[in-house]
PDB file of all heavy atoms in Angstrom:
ATOM      1  N   LEU A   1       1.719 -12.286 -10.836  1.00  0.00           N
ATOM      2  CA  LEU A   1       2.695 -11.476 -11.584  1.00  0.00           C
ATOM      3  C   LEU A   1       3.645 -12.366 -12.380  1.00  0.00           C
ATOM      4  O   LEU A   1       4.003 -12.053 -13.525  1.00  0.00           O
ATOM      5  CB  LEU A   1       3.481 -10.587 -10.618  1.00  0.00           C
ATOM      6  CG  LEU A   1       2.714  -9.431  -9.967  1.00  0.00           C
ATOM      7  CD1 LEU A   1       3.589  -8.727  -8.930  1.00  0.00           C
ATOM      8  CD2 LEU A   1       2.234  -8.425 -11.018  1.00  0.00           C
ATOM      9  N   ASN A   2       4.069 -13.479 -11.786  1.00  0.00           N
ATOM     10  CA  ASN A   2       4.923 -14.413 -12.526  1.00  0.00           C
ATOM     11  C   ASN A   2       4.193 -14.976 -13.740  1.00  0.00           C
ATOM     12  O   ASN A   2       4.785 -15.153 -14.812  1.00  0.00           O
ATOM     13  CB  ASN A   2       5.366 -15.555 -11.613  1.00  0.00           C
ATOM     14  CG  ASN A   2       6.521 -15.159 -10.701  1.00  0.00           C
ATOM     15  OD1 ASN A   2       7.236 -14.192 -10.977  1.00  0.00           O
ATOM     16  ND2 ASN A   2       6.689 -15.888  -9.616  1.00  0.00           N
ATOM     17  N   ASN A   3       2.920 -15.262 -13.566  1.00  0.00           N
ATOM     18  CA  ASN A   3       2.108 -15.742 -14.681  1.00  0.00           C
ATOM     19  C   ASN A   3       1.985 -14.667 -15.761  1.00  0.00           C
ATOM     20  O   ASN A   3       2.036 -14.953 -16.956  1.00  0.00           O
ATOM     21  CB  ASN A   3       0.721 -16.146 -14.169  1.00  0.00           C
ATOM     22  CG  ASN A   3      -0.068 -16.937 -15.188  1.00  0.00           C
ATOM     23  OD1 ASN A   3       0.497 -17.668 -16.007  1.00  0.00           O
ATOM     24  ND2 ASN A   3      -1.376 -16.792 -15.171  1.00  0.00           N
ATOM     25  N   PHE A   4       1.838 -13.408 -15.339  1.00  0.00           N
ATOM     26  CA  PHE A   4       1.789 -12.274 -16.266  1.00  0.00           C
ATOM     27  C   PHE A   4       3.092 -12.183 -17.062  1.00  0.00           C
ATOM     28  O   PHE A   4       3.098 -11.992 -18.283  1.00  0.00           O
ATOM     29  CB  PHE A   4       1.544 -10.990 -15.464  1.00  0.00           C
ATOM     30  CG  PHE A   4       1.603  -9.717 -16.259  1.00  0.00           C
ATOM     31  CD1 PHE A   4       0.476  -9.244 -16.931  1.00  0.00           C
ATOM     32  CD2 PHE A   4       2.779  -8.980 -16.342  1.00  0.00           C
ATOM     33  CE1 PHE A   4       0.526  -8.061 -17.662  1.00  0.00           C
ATOM     34  CE2 PHE A   4       2.836  -7.803 -17.069  1.00  0.00           C
ATOM     35  CZ  PHE A   4       1.708  -7.346 -17.730  1.00  0.00           C
ATOM     36  N   LYS A   5       4.219 -12.348 -16.366  1.00  0.00           N
ATOM     37  CA  LYS A   5       5.524 -12.248 -17.032  1.00  0.00           C
ATOM     38  C   LYS A   5       5.766 -13.393 -18.006  1.00  0.00           C
ATOM     39  O   LYS A   5       6.545 -13.257 -18.952  1.00  0.00           O
ATOM     40  CB  LYS A   5       6.640 -12.215 -15.977  1.00  0.00           C
ATOM     41  CG  LYS A   5       6.640 -10.953 -15.129  1.00  0.00           C
ATOM     42  CD  LYS A   5       7.893 -10.826 -14.278  1.00  0.00           C
ATOM     43  CE  LYS A   5       8.022 -11.905 -13.254  1.00  0.00           C
ATOM     44  NZ  LYS A   5       9.203 -11.739 -12.375  1.00  0.00           N
ATOM     45  N   SER A   6       5.083 -14.527 -17.781  1.00  0.00           N
ATOM     46  CA  SER A   6       5.268 -15.667 -18.676  1.00  0.00           C
ATOM     47  C   SER A   6       4.771 -15.374 -20.089  1.00  0.00           C
ATOM     48  O   SER A   6       5.108 -16.095 -21.035  1.00  0.00           O
ATOM     49  CB  SER A   6       4.544 -16.902 -18.115  1.00  0.00           C
ATOM     50  OG  SER A   6       3.136 -16.746 -18.186  1.00  0.00           O
ATOM     51  N   ALA A   7       3.972 -14.307 -20.226  1.00  0.00           N
ATOM     52  CA  ALA A   7       3.489 -13.904 -21.554  1.00  0.00           C
ATOM     53  C   ALA A   7       4.471 -12.959 -22.224  1.00  0.00           C
ATOM     54  O   ALA A   7       4.144 -12.362 -23.267  1.00  0.00           O
ATOM     55  CB  ALA A   7       2.117 -13.233 -21.432  1.00  0.00           C
ATOM     56  N   GLY A   8       5.668 -12.804 -21.655  1.00  0.00           N
ATOM     57  CA  GLY A   8       6.674 -11.924 -22.244  1.00  0.00           C
ATOM     58  C   GLY A   8       6.497 -10.468 -21.864  1.00  0.00           C
ATOM     59  O   GLY A   8       7.103  -9.579 -22.488  1.00  0.00           O
ATOM     60  N   LYS A   9       5.692 -10.191 -20.838  1.00  0.00           N
ATOM     61  CA  LYS A   9       5.457  -8.823 -20.400  1.00  0.00           C
ATOM     62  C   LYS A   9       6.302  -8.533 -19.163  1.00  0.00           C
ATOM     63  O   LYS A   9       6.633  -9.433 -18.404  1.00  0.00           O
ATOM     64  CB  LYS A   9       3.970  -8.610 -20.122  1.00  0.00           C
ATOM     65  CG  LYS A   9       3.091  -8.901 -21.346  1.00  0.00           C
ATOM     66  CD  LYS A   9       1.615  -8.640 -21.091  1.00  0.00           C
ATOM     67  CE  LYS A   9       0.788  -8.899 -22.349  1.00  0.00           C
ATOM     68  NZ  LYS A   9      -0.637  -8.532 -22.180  1.00  0.00           N
ATOM     69  N   LYS A  10       6.639  -7.263 -18.964  1.00  0.00           N
ATOM     70  CA  LYS A  10       7.556  -6.874 -17.907  1.00  0.00           C
ATOM     71  C   LYS A  10       6.831  -6.247 -16.719  1.00  0.00           C
ATOM     72  O   LYS A  10       5.774  -5.644 -16.859  1.00  0.00           O
ATOM     73  CB  LYS A  10       8.585  -5.865 -18.458  1.00  0.00           C
ATOM     74  CG  LYS A  10       9.445  -6.397 -19.591  1.00  0.00           C
ATOM     75  CD  LYS A  10      10.355  -7.521 -19.107  1.00  0.00           C
ATOM     76  CE  LYS A  10      11.273  -8.017 -20.221  1.00  0.00           C
ATOM     77  NZ  LYS A  10      12.111  -9.151 -19.769  1.00  0.00           N
ATOM     78  N   VAL A  11       7.470  -6.382 -15.546  1.00  0.00           N
ATOM     79  CA  VAL A  11       6.963  -5.763 -14.320  1.00  0.00           C
ATOM     80  C   VAL A  11       8.088  -4.931 -13.705  1.00  0.00           C
ATOM     81  O   VAL A  11       9.194  -5.433 -13.491  1.00  0.00           O
ATOM     82  CB  VAL A  11       6.488  -6.816 -13.298  1.00  0.00           C
ATOM     83  CG1 VAL A  11       6.023  -6.140 -12.000  1.00  0.00           C
ATOM     84  CG2 VAL A  11       5.363  -7.667 -13.882  1.00  0.00           C
ATOM     85  N   THR A  12       7.797  -3.661 -13.442  1.00  0.00           N
ATOM     86  CA  THR A  12       8.757  -2.741 -12.824  1.00  0.00           C
ATOM     87  C   THR A  12       8.198  -2.276 -11.488  1.00  0.00           C
ATOM     88  O   THR A  12       7.019  -1.939 -11.385  1.00  0.00           O
ATOM     89  CB  THR A  12       9.018  -1.517 -13.722  1.00  0.00           C
ATOM     90  OG1 THR A  12       9.498  -1.958 -14.994  1.00  0.00           O
ATOM     91  CG2 THR A  12      10.034  -0.579 -13.092  1.00  0.00           C
ATOM     92  N   ALA A  13       9.045  -2.254 -10.448  1.00  0.00           N
ATOM     93  CA  ALA A  13       8.608  -1.804  -9.124  1.00  0.00           C
ATOM     94  C   ALA A  13       9.355  -0.537  -8.733  1.00  0.00           C
ATOM     95  O   ALA A  13      10.543  -0.381  -9.038  1.00  0.00           O
ATOM     96  CB  ALA A  13       8.857  -2.886  -8.079  1.00  0.00           C
ATOM     97  N   THR A  14       8.651   0.366  -8.041  1.00  0.00           N
ATOM     98  CA  THR A  14       9.278   1.586  -7.549  1.00  0.00           C
ATOM     99  C   THR A  14       8.647   1.999  -6.233  1.00  0.00           C
ATOM    100  O   THR A  14       7.464   1.738  -5.985  1.00  0.00           O
ATOM    101  CB  THR A  14       9.141   2.737  -8.573  1.00  0.00           C
ATOM    102  OG1 THR A  14       9.829   3.887  -8.083  1.00  0.00           O
ATOM    103  CG2 THR A  14       7.688   3.103  -8.809  1.00  0.00           C
ATOM    104  N   ALA A  15       9.458   2.626  -5.371  1.00  0.00           N
ATOM    105  CA  ALA A  15       8.973   3.161  -4.100  1.00  0.00           C
ATOM    106  C   ALA A  15      10.040   4.084  -3.530  1.00  0.00           C
ATOM    107  O   ALA A  15      11.230   3.951  -3.847  1.00  0.00           O
ATOM    108  CB  ALA A  15       8.651   2.049  -3.101  1.00  0.00           C
ATOM    109  N   ASP A  16       9.603   5.012  -2.695  1.00  0.00           N
ATOM    110  CA  ASP A  16      10.576   5.864  -1.991  1.00  0.00           C
ATOM    111  C   ASP A  16      11.261   5.065  -0.897  1.00  0.00           C
ATOM    112  O   ASP A  16      12.456   5.212  -0.653  1.00  0.00           O
ATOM    113  CB  ASP A  16       9.871   7.083  -1.385  1.00  0.00           C
ATOM    114  CG  ASP A  16       9.441   8.090  -2.439  1.00  0.00           C
ATOM    115  OD1 ASP A  16      10.025   8.083  -3.539  1.00  0.00           O
ATOM    116  OD2 ASP A  16       8.511   8.874  -2.169  1.00  0.00           O
ATOM    117  N   ASN A  17      10.504   4.239  -0.219  1.00  0.00           N
ATOM    118  CA  ASN A  17      11.015   3.320   0.799  1.00  0.00           C
ATOM    119  C   ASN A  17      10.213   2.029   0.693  1.00  0.00           C
ATOM    120  O   ASN A  17       9.045   2.055   0.302  1.00  0.00           O
ATOM    121  CB  ASN A  17      10.851   3.901   2.204  1.00  0.00           C
ATOM    122  CG  ASN A  17      11.651   5.170   2.414  1.00  0.00           C
ATOM    123  OD1 ASN A  17      12.853   5.134   2.658  1.00  0.00           O
ATOM    124  ND2 ASN A  17      10.974   6.324   2.319  1.00  0.00           N
ATOM    125  N   TYR A  18      10.826   0.918   1.076  1.00  0.00           N
ATOM    126  CA  TYR A  18      10.113  -0.362   1.054  1.00  0.00           C
ATOM    127  C   TYR A  18       9.979  -0.899   2.474  1.00  0.00           C
ATOM    128  O   TYR A  18      10.983  -1.086   3.175  1.00  0.00           O
ATOM    129  CB  TYR A  18      10.862  -1.393   0.210  1.00  0.00           C
ATOM    130  CG  TYR A  18      10.810  -1.150  -1.278  1.00  0.00           C
ATOM    131  CD1 TYR A  18      11.893  -0.578  -1.943  1.00  0.00           C
ATOM    132  CD2 TYR A  18       9.688  -1.499  -2.020  1.00  0.00           C
ATOM    133  CE1 TYR A  18      11.857  -0.363  -3.319  1.00  0.00           C
ATOM    134  CE2 TYR A  18       9.642  -1.288  -3.394  1.00  0.00           C
ATOM    135  CZ  TYR A  18      10.725  -0.716  -4.034  1.00  0.00           C
ATOM    136  OH  TYR A  18      10.684  -0.501  -5.386  1.00  0.00           O
ATOM    137  N   SER A  19       8.742  -1.149   2.873  1.00  0.00           N
ATOM    138  CA  SER A  19       8.509  -1.904   4.105  1.00  0.00           C
ATOM    139  C   SER A  19       8.713  -3.382   3.785  1.00  0.00           C
ATOM    140  O   SER A  19       8.935  -3.770   2.628  1.00  0.00           O
ATOM    141  CB  SER A  19       7.093  -1.668   4.621  1.00  0.00           C
ATOM    142  OG  SER A  19       6.148  -2.250   3.727  1.00  0.00           O
ATOM    143  N   GLN A  20       8.600  -4.215   4.800  1.00  0.00           N
ATOM    144  CA  GLN A  20       8.831  -5.647   4.607  1.00  0.00           C
ATOM    145  C   GLN A  20       7.821  -6.254   3.629  1.00  0.00           C
ATOM    146  O   GLN A  20       8.195  -7.021   2.733  1.00  0.00           O
ATOM    147  CB  GLN A  20       8.755  -6.351   5.957  1.00  0.00           C
ATOM    148  CG  GLN A  20       9.194  -7.795   5.941  1.00  0.00           C
ATOM    149  CD  GLN A  20       9.511  -8.289   7.331  1.00  0.00           C
ATOM    150  OE1 GLN A  20      10.546  -7.962   7.893  1.00  0.00           O
ATOM    151  NE2 GLN A  20       8.615  -9.067   7.908  1.00  0.00           N
ATOM    152  N   SER A  21       6.558  -5.917   3.786  1.00  0.00           N
ATOM    153  CA  SER A  21       5.541  -6.478   2.891  1.00  0.00           C
ATOM    154  C   SER A  21       5.642  -5.873   1.496  1.00  0.00           C
ATOM    155  O   SER A  21       5.469  -6.577   0.487  1.00  0.00           O
ATOM    156  CB  SER A  21       4.140  -6.256   3.466  1.00  0.00           C
ATOM    157  OG  SER A  21       3.895  -4.887   3.700  1.00  0.00           O
ATOM    158  N   GLN A  22       5.926  -4.575   1.414  1.00  0.00           N
ATOM    159  CA  GLN A  22       6.094  -3.937   0.101  1.00  0.00           C
ATOM    160  C   GLN A  22       7.259  -4.564  -0.653  1.00  0.00           C
ATOM    161  O   GLN A  22       7.161  -4.817  -1.863  1.00  0.00           O
ATOM    162  CB  GLN A  22       6.331  -2.437   0.282  1.00  0.00           C
ATOM    163  CG  GLN A  22       5.127  -1.661   0.788  1.00  0.00           C
ATOM    164  CD  GLN A  22       5.493  -0.240   1.210  1.00  0.00           C
ATOM    165  OE1 GLN A  22       6.676   0.112   1.296  1.00  0.00           O
ATOM    166  NE2 GLN A  22       4.485   0.565   1.495  1.00  0.00           N
ATOM    167  N   TYR A  23       8.340  -4.822   0.053  1.00  0.00           N
ATOM    168  CA  TYR A  23       9.511  -5.383  -0.626  1.00  0.00           C
ATOM    169  C   TYR A  23       9.246  -6.810  -1.102  1.00  0.00           C
ATOM    170  O   TYR A  23       9.701  -7.213  -2.187  1.00  0.00           O
ATOM    171  CB  TYR A  23      10.744  -5.369   0.289  1.00  0.00           C
ATOM    172  CG  TYR A  23      11.958  -5.898  -0.418  1.00  0.00           C
ATOM    173  CD1 TYR A  23      12.606  -5.139  -1.394  1.00  0.00           C
ATOM    174  CD2 TYR A  23      12.436  -7.179  -0.171  1.00  0.00           C
ATOM    175  CE1 TYR A  23      13.696  -5.635  -2.095  1.00  0.00           C
ATOM    176  CE2 TYR A  23      13.517  -7.691  -0.862  1.00  0.00           C
ATOM    177  CZ  TYR A  23      14.142  -6.914  -1.828  1.00  0.00           C
ATOM    178  OH  TYR A  23      15.209  -7.414  -2.534  1.00  0.00           O
ATOM    179  N   PHE A  24       8.518  -7.584  -0.306  1.00  0.00           N
ATOM    180  CA  PHE A  24       8.198  -8.949  -0.729  1.00  0.00           C
ATOM    181  C   PHE A  24       7.479  -8.939  -2.075  1.00  0.00           C
ATOM    182  O   PHE A  24       7.812  -9.717  -2.980  1.00  0.00           O
ATOM    183  CB  PHE A  24       7.326  -9.631   0.325  1.00  0.00           C
ATOM    184  CG  PHE A  24       7.028 -11.084   0.034  1.00  0.00           C
ATOM    185  CD1 PHE A  24       7.931 -12.070   0.351  1.00  0.00           C
ATOM    186  CD2 PHE A  24       5.834 -11.447  -0.573  1.00  0.00           C
ATOM    187  CE1 PHE A  24       7.656 -13.418   0.083  1.00  0.00           C
ATOM    188  CE2 PHE A  24       5.547 -12.777  -0.856  1.00  0.00           C
ATOM    189  CZ  PHE A  24       6.466 -13.761  -0.527  1.00  0.00           C
ATOM    190  N   LEU A  25       6.509  -8.041  -2.226  1.00  0.00           N
ATOM    191  CA  LEU A  25       5.784  -7.959  -3.495  1.00  0.00           C
ATOM    192  C   LEU A  25       6.690  -7.437  -4.604  1.00  0.00           C
ATOM    193  O   LEU A  25       6.653  -7.929  -5.741  1.00  0.00           O
ATOM    194  CB  LEU A  25       4.558  -7.055  -3.339  1.00  0.00           C
ATOM    195  CG  LEU A  25       3.609  -6.979  -4.537  1.00  0.00           C
ATOM    196  CD1 LEU A  25       3.149  -8.368  -4.967  1.00  0.00           C
ATOM    197  CD2 LEU A  25       2.407  -6.101  -4.204  1.00  0.00           C
ATOM    198  N   ALA A  26       7.550  -6.472  -4.284  1.00  0.00           N
ATOM    199  CA  ALA A  26       8.465  -5.923  -5.277  1.00  0.00           C
ATOM    200  C   ALA A  26       9.438  -6.965  -5.805  1.00  0.00           C
ATOM    201  O   ALA A  26       9.891  -6.882  -6.958  1.00  0.00           O
ATOM    202  CB  ALA A  26       9.249  -4.751  -4.674  1.00  0.00           C
ATOM    203  N   SER A  27       9.740  -7.980  -4.994  1.00  0.00           N
ATOM    204  CA  SER A  27      10.723  -8.991  -5.409  1.00  0.00           C
ATOM    205  C   SER A  27      10.255  -9.778  -6.633  1.00  0.00           C
ATOM    206  O   SER A  27      11.076 -10.418  -7.308  1.00  0.00           O
ATOM    207  CB  SER A  27      11.022  -9.948  -4.251  1.00  0.00           C
ATOM    208  OG  SER A  27       9.909 -10.796  -3.987  1.00  0.00           O
ATOM    209  N   PHE A  28       8.962  -9.734  -6.941  1.00  0.00           N
ATOM    210  CA  PHE A  28       8.443 -10.446  -8.112  1.00  0.00           C
ATOM    211  C   PHE A  28       8.608  -9.622  -9.393  1.00  0.00           C
ATOM    212  O   PHE A  28       8.282 -10.104 -10.479  1.00  0.00           O
ATOM    213  CB  PHE A  28       6.960 -10.786  -7.909  1.00  0.00           C
ATOM    214  CG  PHE A  28       6.723 -11.849  -6.870  1.00  0.00           C
ATOM    215  CD1 PHE A  28       6.571 -11.517  -5.530  1.00  0.00           C
ATOM    216  CD2 PHE A  28       6.661 -13.187  -7.224  1.00  0.00           C
ATOM    217  CE1 PHE A  28       6.357 -12.487  -4.567  1.00  0.00           C
ATOM    218  CE2 PHE A  28       6.447 -14.174  -6.266  1.00  0.00           C
ATOM    219  CZ  PHE A  28       6.300 -13.820  -4.931  1.00  0.00           C
ATOM    220  N   ALA A  29       9.105  -8.396  -9.267  1.00  0.00           N
ATOM    221  CA  ALA A  29       9.281  -7.535 -10.438  1.00  0.00           C
ATOM    222  C   ALA A  29      10.576  -7.881 -11.176  1.00  0.00           C
ATOM    223  O   ALA A  29      11.518  -8.442 -10.603  1.00  0.00           O
ATOM    224  CB  ALA A  29       9.304  -6.071 -10.014  1.00  0.00           C
ATOM    225  N   ASP A  30      10.622  -7.506 -12.464  1.00  0.00           N
ATOM    226  CA  ASP A  30      11.853  -7.688 -13.241  1.00  0.00           C
ATOM    227  C   ASP A  30      12.922  -6.705 -12.791  1.00  0.00           C
ATOM    228  O   ASP A  30      14.113  -7.002 -12.856  1.00  0.00           O
ATOM    229  CB  ASP A  30      11.561  -7.479 -14.731  1.00  0.00           C
ATOM    230  CG  ASP A  30      10.642  -8.550 -15.291  1.00  0.00           C
ATOM    231  OD1 ASP A  30      11.069  -9.708 -15.379  1.00  0.00           O
ATOM    232  OD2 ASP A  30       9.478  -8.221 -15.619  1.00  0.00           O
ATOM    233  N   GLN A  31      12.469  -5.530 -12.326  1.00  0.00           N
ATOM    234  CA  GLN A  31      13.419  -4.515 -11.854  1.00  0.00           C
ATOM    235  C   GLN A  31      12.837  -3.793 -10.644  1.00  0.00           C
ATOM    236  O   GLN A  31      11.674  -3.394 -10.646  1.00  0.00           O
ATOM    237  CB  GLN A  31      13.730  -3.494 -12.947  1.00  0.00           C
ATOM    238  CG  GLN A  31      14.790  -2.480 -12.534  1.00  0.00           C
ATOM    239  CD  GLN A  31      15.019  -1.409 -13.589  1.00  0.00           C
ATOM    240  OE1 GLN A  31      14.163  -0.561 -13.813  1.00  0.00           O
ATOM    241  NE2 GLN A  31      16.178  -1.455 -14.246  1.00  0.00           N
ATOM    242  N   ILE A  32      13.666  -3.650  -9.595  1.00  0.00           N
ATOM    243  CA  ILE A  32      13.255  -2.936  -8.389  1.00  0.00           C
ATOM    244  C   ILE A  32      14.013  -1.616  -8.322  1.00  0.00           C
ATOM    245  O   ILE A  32      15.257  -1.595  -8.315  1.00  0.00           O
ATOM    246  CB  ILE A  32      13.537  -3.753  -7.121  1.00  0.00           C
ATOM    247  CG1 ILE A  32      12.826  -5.106  -7.178  1.00  0.00           C
ATOM    248  CG2 ILE A  32      13.094  -2.986  -5.878  1.00  0.00           C
ATOM    249  CD1 ILE A  32      13.097  -5.993  -5.972  1.00  0.00           C
ATOM    250  N   ASN A  33      13.264  -0.518  -8.271  1.00  0.00           N
ATOM    251  CA  ASN A  33      13.848   0.815  -8.154  1.00  0.00           C
ATOM    252  C   ASN A  33      13.605   1.367  -6.757  1.00  0.00           C
ATOM    253  O   ASN A  33      12.511   1.200  -6.196  1.00  0.00           O
ATOM    254  CB  ASN A  33      13.222   1.761  -9.177  1.00  0.00           C
ATOM    255  CG  ASN A  33      13.569   1.380 -10.601  1.00  0.00           C
ATOM    256  OD1 ASN A  33      14.601   1.764 -11.140  1.00  0.00           O
ATOM    257  ND2 ASN A  33      12.695   0.599 -11.227  1.00  0.00           N
ATOM    258  N   LEU A  34      14.604   2.046  -6.208  1.00  0.00           N
ATOM    259  CA  LEU A  34      14.502   2.659  -4.896  1.00  0.00           C
ATOM    260  C   LEU A  34      14.960   4.107  -4.983  1.00  0.00           C
ATOM    261  O   LEU A  34      15.966   4.416  -5.632  1.00  0.00           O
ATOM    262  CB  LEU A  34      15.373   1.896  -3.884  1.00  0.00           C
ATOM    263  CG  LEU A  34      15.515   2.494  -2.483  1.00  0.00           C
ATOM    264  CD1 LEU A  34      14.174   2.471  -1.743  1.00  0.00           C
ATOM    265  CD2 LEU A  34      16.585   1.756  -1.680  1.00  0.00           C
ATOM    266  N   ASN A  35      14.229   4.996  -4.324  1.00  0.00           N
ATOM    267  CA  ASN A  35      14.635   6.396  -4.266  1.00  0.00           C
ATOM    268  C   ASN A  35      16.036   6.497  -3.657  1.00  0.00           C
ATOM    269  O   ASN A  35      16.317   5.846  -2.643  1.00  0.00           O
ATOM    270  CB  ASN A  35      13.627   7.177  -3.407  1.00  0.00           C
ATOM    271  CG  ASN A  35      13.835   8.682  -3.496  1.00  0.00           C
ATOM    272  OD1 ASN A  35      14.900   9.194  -3.192  1.00  0.00           O
ATOM    273  ND2 ASN A  35      12.782   9.377  -3.899  1.00  0.00           N
TER     274      ASN A  35
END
């Protein structure tokens, strides 16, 4: 995902709730949204 963002593209994350593993992956996003 970081390599993807290096091309000037954005990553957005969303979830109703984040587990520990879900949140780890979400941390690589440009923006993290939570319900």
